[in-house]
Amino acid sequence: MSAQMPVLKEPPKKRMGSRKLLTILILLFVALLAVLFFNSSISKISEIQIDGTRFVTREEIGKAAAILVGDAFFRTSSSTIEDRIVTLPQIKGAKVTKVFPGVVKIHVEEFPVVAFELSKQGEMTALLTNGTTVEADSDEMQLVDKPVLSGWTDGDPVKAQLTKQLAKISTKQLSDLSEILPFPSTAYPDRILMYTRTKFEVVTAVSVLPEKIEALNAVIETQEPGKITMLLADTYVPFVSESPENIDSE
């Protein structure tokens, strides 16, 4: 007599409908939270902090950044804001940091001042290393370590090139240059006349200025005040001072 096979029970069917319903409810809850968050004040910009400015106003930075208090905090990325700010001619670089909730910190780096310029009306402006001209109302004290450009016309391409060349000179070397004037010739359209604070008169050209500056310093450090020419050939002639004997004989 054969043994009777036990009846196998079918496994209970999973309630797929309940799992799908739970997933939908969770998604709806997350969506509701997202809607509430992005419509709440916590998701908005509550404060914009700006530092590093000197020649650019906070209003100009804010306009370039194109963000305002009350805007969505996550709408615009930090890199996008940075790219907008550096379009300002005075700005060399920008760093934007977002601090949740609501604070946007903007730090800017402006191009440094390389020279000043005195207009015919007696107004002083500052020239930045990229050639940008800005008002210098609060920078008179810096005249002691920057040259003053005088006699130049607006839009002179030689002046723009001079500004870039001065940016290549060290701060120490630049501090001895007192005044720079245009002094063009047929052979050297970019020829300039410079006066130093150490009482030297220097004739050179914008195109050769960076390579001649070291030789110029060597002469200034070892010779009495005089006239220096640094073009194709370099020459030095000391100024002739009247001796007491010459004065008495007159």
Protein backbone atom coordinates (compact mmCIF):
# COMPACT_ATOMS: atom_id res chain seq x y z
CA MET A 1 0.00 0.00 0.00
CA SER A 2 1.57 3.29 -1.14
CA ALA A 3 2.00 6.29 1.18
CA GLN A 4 -0.31 9.24 0.49
CA MET A 5 1.46 12.39 -0.68
CA PRO A 6 0.79 15.42 1.58
CA VAL A 7 -1.11 18.26 0.03
CA LEU A 8 1.21 21.26 -0.57
CA LYS A 9 -0.20 24.62 0.37
CA GLU A 10 0.25 27.48 -2.04
CA PRO A 11 2.28 30.37 -0.58
CA PRO A 12 0.17 33.39 0.23
CA LYS A 13 0.17 36.02 -2.46
CA LYS A 14 1.94 39.30 -1.63
CA ARG A 15 -0.21 42.31 -1.41
CA MET A 16 1.35 44.31 -4.23
CA GLY A 17 -1.43 46.83 -4.11
CA SER A 18 -0.62 47.86 -0.54
CA ARG A 19 3.09 48.35 -1.32
CA LYS A 20 2.35 50.53 -4.32
CA LEU A 21 -0.06 52.59 -2.29
CA LEU A 22 2.55 53.10 0.42
CA THR A 23 5.12 54.22 -2.18
CA ILE A 24 2.68 56.71 -3.68
CA LEU A 25 1.87 58.11 -0.25
CA ILE A 26 5.56 58.56 0.55
CA LEU A 27 6.18 60.34 -2.77
CA LEU A 28 3.21 62.61 -2.20
CA PHE A 29 4.48 63.41 1.30
CA VAL A 30 7.96 64.26 -0.03
CA ALA A 31 6.45 66.42 -2.79
CA LEU A 32 4.31 68.24 -0.22
CA LEU A 33 7.36 68.89 1.97
CA ALA A 34 9.27 70.20 -1.07
CA VAL A 35 6.44 72.57 -1.98
CA LEU A 36 6.23 73.83 1.58
CA PHE A 37 10.01 74.27 1.79
CA PHE A 38 10.45 76.17 -1.45
CA ASN A 39 7.55 78.45 -0.55
CA SER A 40 8.82 79.18 2.93
CA SER A 41 11.17 81.99 4.01
CA ILE A 42 13.88 79.48 4.94
CA SER A 43 14.45 78.72 1.23
CA LYS A 44 14.95 82.39 0.35
CA ILE A 45 18.08 84.56 0.42
CA SER A 46 17.87 86.51 3.68
CA GLU A 47 21.24 88.29 3.58
CA ILE A 48 23.94 89.13 1.02
CA GLN A 49 27.39 89.89 2.47
CA ILE A 50 29.95 91.60 0.20
CA ASP A 51 33.60 92.35 1.04
CA GLY A 52 36.84 93.17 -0.77
CA THR A 53 35.37 96.12 -2.65
CA ARG A 54 37.22 99.37 -3.01
CA PHE A 55 36.47 100.80 -6.42
CA VAL A 56 33.16 98.97 -6.96
CA THR A 57 30.04 99.72 -4.93
CA ARG A 58 27.87 97.09 -3.29
CA GLU A 59 25.10 98.13 -5.65
CA GLU A 60 27.28 97.41 -8.69
CA ILE A 61 28.26 94.01 -7.30
CA GLY A 62 24.64 93.16 -6.54
CA LYS A 63 23.49 94.23 -9.99
CA ALA A 64 26.19 92.16 -11.68
CA ALA A 65 25.47 89.13 -9.47
CA ALA A 66 21.76 89.45 -10.37
CA ILE A 67 20.56 88.20 -6.98
CA LEU A 68 18.40 89.94 -4.38
CA VAL A 69 17.25 89.29 -0.85
CA GLY A 70 14.10 87.23 -1.20
CA ASP A 71 15.28 85.26 -4.24
CA ALA A 72 15.32 81.46 -4.08
CA PHE A 73 18.47 80.34 -2.26
CA PHE A 74 19.15 77.39 -4.57
CA ARG A 75 18.03 78.96 -7.84
CA THR A 76 21.45 80.21 -8.97
CA SER A 77 24.71 78.34 -8.40
CA SER A 78 27.73 79.98 -6.77
CA SER A 79 29.84 79.52 -9.92
CA THR A 80 27.22 81.28 -12.05
CA ILE A 81 27.19 84.25 -9.68
CA GLU A 82 31.01 84.37 -9.75
CA ASP A 83 31.04 84.38 -13.55
CA ARG A 84 28.62 87.30 -13.58
CA ILE A 85 30.66 89.38 -11.11
CA VAL A 86 33.99 89.04 -12.93
CA THR A 87 32.45 90.71 -15.98
CA LEU A 88 32.94 94.00 -14.12
CA PRO A 89 36.16 95.61 -15.45
CA GLN A 90 37.51 96.34 -11.96
CA ILE A 91 37.12 92.75 -10.71
CA LYS A 92 39.96 90.25 -11.03
CA GLY A 93 38.20 87.39 -9.25
CA ALA A 94 35.20 86.52 -7.09
CA LYS A 95 34.37 83.81 -4.56
CA VAL A 96 30.75 83.11 -3.65
CA THR A 97 29.89 80.99 -0.62
CA LYS A 98 26.37 79.99 0.35
CA VAL A 99 25.67 79.43 4.04
CA PHE A 100 22.32 77.76 4.70
CA PRO A 101 19.89 79.07 5.64
CA GLY A 102 19.71 82.17 3.49
CA VAL A 103 23.18 83.79 3.64
CA VAL A 104 25.21 84.45 0.47
CA LYS A 105 28.78 85.64 1.01
CA ILE A 106 30.56 87.39 -1.88
CA HIS A 107 34.28 88.11 -1.68
CA VAL A 108 35.79 90.03 -4.59
CA GLU A 109 39.39 90.70 -5.60
CA GLU A 110 39.91 93.86 -7.59
CA PHE A 111 42.78 94.56 -9.94
CA PRO A 112 45.50 96.44 -8.00
CA VAL A 113 46.42 100.06 -8.61
CA VAL A 114 49.56 100.43 -10.72
CA ALA A 115 49.60 104.20 -11.31
CA PHE A 116 47.66 107.42 -10.94
CA GLU A 117 46.76 109.96 -13.60
CA LEU A 118 46.31 113.69 -13.29
CA SER A 119 43.79 115.17 -15.69
CA LYS A 120 43.92 118.67 -17.17
CA GLN A 121 41.21 119.64 -14.71
CA GLY A 122 43.43 118.53 -11.81
CA GLU A 123 41.36 115.43 -11.02
CA MET A 124 43.19 112.32 -9.87
CA THR A 125 42.23 108.88 -11.14
CA ALA A 126 43.73 105.47 -10.46
CA LEU A 127 44.87 103.09 -13.19
CA LEU A 128 44.47 99.38 -12.51
CA THR A 129 46.77 96.68 -13.83
CA ASN A 130 44.30 95.74 -16.57
CA GLY A 131 44.11 99.32 -17.83
CA THR A 132 40.81 100.22 -16.18
CA THR A 133 40.51 103.79 -14.90
CA VAL A 134 38.67 104.45 -11.64
CA GLU A 135 38.12 107.43 -9.38
CA ALA A 136 40.85 107.91 -6.78
CA ASP A 137 39.19 110.24 -4.28
CA SER A 138 40.28 108.12 -1.32
CA ASP A 139 43.71 107.12 -2.61
CA GLU A 140 45.79 110.28 -2.40
CA MET A 141 48.04 108.71 0.24
CA GLN A 142 49.10 106.01 -2.20
CA LEU A 143 50.81 108.58 -4.40
CA VAL A 144 53.94 108.01 -2.34
CA ASP A 145 54.48 104.57 -3.86
CA LYS A 146 52.92 104.81 -7.32
CA PRO A 147 53.90 106.88 -10.38
CA VAL A 148 51.69 109.65 -11.70
CA LEU A 149 50.93 109.73 -15.44
CA SER A 150 50.55 113.23 -16.88
CA GLY A 151 50.25 114.62 -20.39
CA TRP A 152 48.45 111.58 -21.78
CA THR A 153 45.33 111.70 -23.93
CA ASP A 154 42.25 109.58 -23.34
CA GLY A 155 42.27 106.35 -25.30
CA ASP A 156 46.01 106.49 -26.04
CA PRO A 157 46.99 102.87 -26.84
CA VAL A 158 50.52 103.54 -25.57
CA LYS A 159 49.11 104.48 -22.16
CA ALA A 160 47.11 101.25 -22.07
CA GLN A 161 50.25 99.26 -22.90
CA LEU A 162 52.24 101.22 -20.31
CA THR A 163 49.75 100.23 -17.62
CA LYS A 164 50.20 96.56 -18.46
CA GLN A 165 53.99 96.90 -18.46
CA LEU A 166 53.99 98.64 -15.08
CA ALA A 167 52.03 95.68 -13.70
CA LYS A 168 55.08 93.49 -14.41
CA ILE A 169 57.33 95.63 -12.24
CA SER A 170 57.75 94.84 -8.54
CA THR A 171 56.22 97.12 -5.94
CA LYS A 172 59.65 98.20 -4.69
CA GLN A 173 60.87 99.14 -8.17
CA LEU A 174 57.58 100.85 -8.96
CA SER A 175 57.72 102.97 -5.80
CA ASP A 176 60.72 104.98 -7.05
CA LEU A 177 58.96 106.10 -10.23
CA SER A 178 57.49 109.54 -9.61
CA GLU A 179 56.07 110.76 -12.92
CA ILE A 180 55.75 109.33 -16.44
CA LEU A 181 55.06 111.44 -19.52
CA PRO A 182 54.68 110.57 -23.23
CA PHE A 183 57.83 111.44 -25.19
CA PRO A 184 57.31 109.89 -28.66
CA SER A 185 59.82 110.01 -31.49
CA THR A 186 59.85 108.76 -35.08
CA ALA A 187 61.97 105.76 -34.13
CA TYR A 188 60.12 105.10 -30.87
CA PRO A 189 56.42 106.05 -30.95
CA ASP A 190 56.10 104.54 -27.47
CA ARG A 191 59.01 106.50 -25.98
CA ILE A 192 58.40 107.89 -22.50
CA LEU A 193 60.07 110.28 -20.07
CA MET A 194 60.19 109.21 -16.44
CA TYR A 195 61.20 111.05 -13.29
CA THR A 196 62.24 109.11 -10.21
CA ARG A 197 61.99 110.02 -6.56
CA THR A 198 65.76 109.57 -6.39
CA LYS A 199 66.13 112.59 -8.76
CA PHE A 200 66.93 110.75 -12.00
CA GLU A 201 65.50 111.59 -15.42
CA VAL A 202 64.95 108.50 -17.58
CA VAL A 203 64.17 108.23 -21.29
CA THR A 204 63.03 104.79 -22.39
CA ALA A 205 60.21 103.07 -24.30
CA VAL A 206 57.15 101.23 -23.06
CA SER A 207 58.04 98.14 -25.08
CA VAL A 208 61.42 97.70 -23.35
CA LEU A 209 60.55 98.96 -19.88
CA PRO A 210 60.30 95.59 -18.04
CA GLU A 211 63.63 94.36 -19.41
CA LYS A 212 65.38 97.68 -18.66
CA ILE A 213 64.13 98.15 -15.10
CA GLU A 214 66.85 96.04 -13.47
CA ALA A 215 69.61 97.97 -15.26
CA LEU A 216 67.90 101.21 -14.28
CA ASN A 217 67.93 100.20 -10.62
CA ALA A 218 71.61 99.31 -10.82
CA VAL A 219 72.46 102.81 -12.09
CA ILE A 220 70.25 104.52 -9.51
CA GLU A 221 71.84 102.56 -6.66
CA THR A 222 75.43 103.26 -7.70
CA GLN A 223 75.46 106.65 -9.43
CA GLU A 224 74.68 110.25 -8.63
CA PRO A 225 71.44 111.71 -10.02
CA GLY A 226 71.58 112.25 -13.77
CA LYS A 227 69.95 111.57 -17.10
CA ILE A 228 69.58 107.94 -18.19
CA THR A 229 68.65 106.81 -21.69
CA MET A 230 67.60 103.19 -22.12
CA LEU A 231 66.61 102.38 -25.67
CA LEU A 232 68.69 100.46 -28.20
CA ALA A 233 71.77 101.54 -26.24
CA ASP A 234 71.96 102.60 -22.60
CA THR A 235 73.66 105.84 -21.56
CA TYR A 236 74.08 107.75 -18.32
CA VAL A 237 75.10 111.38 -17.90
CA PRO A 238 75.27 112.91 -14.41
CA PHE A 239 73.70 116.27 -13.81
CA VAL A 240 76.30 119.06 -13.61
CA SER A 241 76.04 120.82 -10.28
CA GLU A 242 77.57 124.20 -9.67
CA SER A 243 80.47 124.09 -7.22
CA PRO A 244 81.06 126.83 -4.62
CA GLU A 245 84.13 127.95 -6.59
CA ASN A 246 82.05 128.53 -9.75
CA ILE A 247 79.48 130.49 -7.81
CA ASP A 248 82.12 132.76 -6.25
CA SER A 249 83.81 133.44 -9.60
CA GLU A 250 80.60 134.72 -11.18
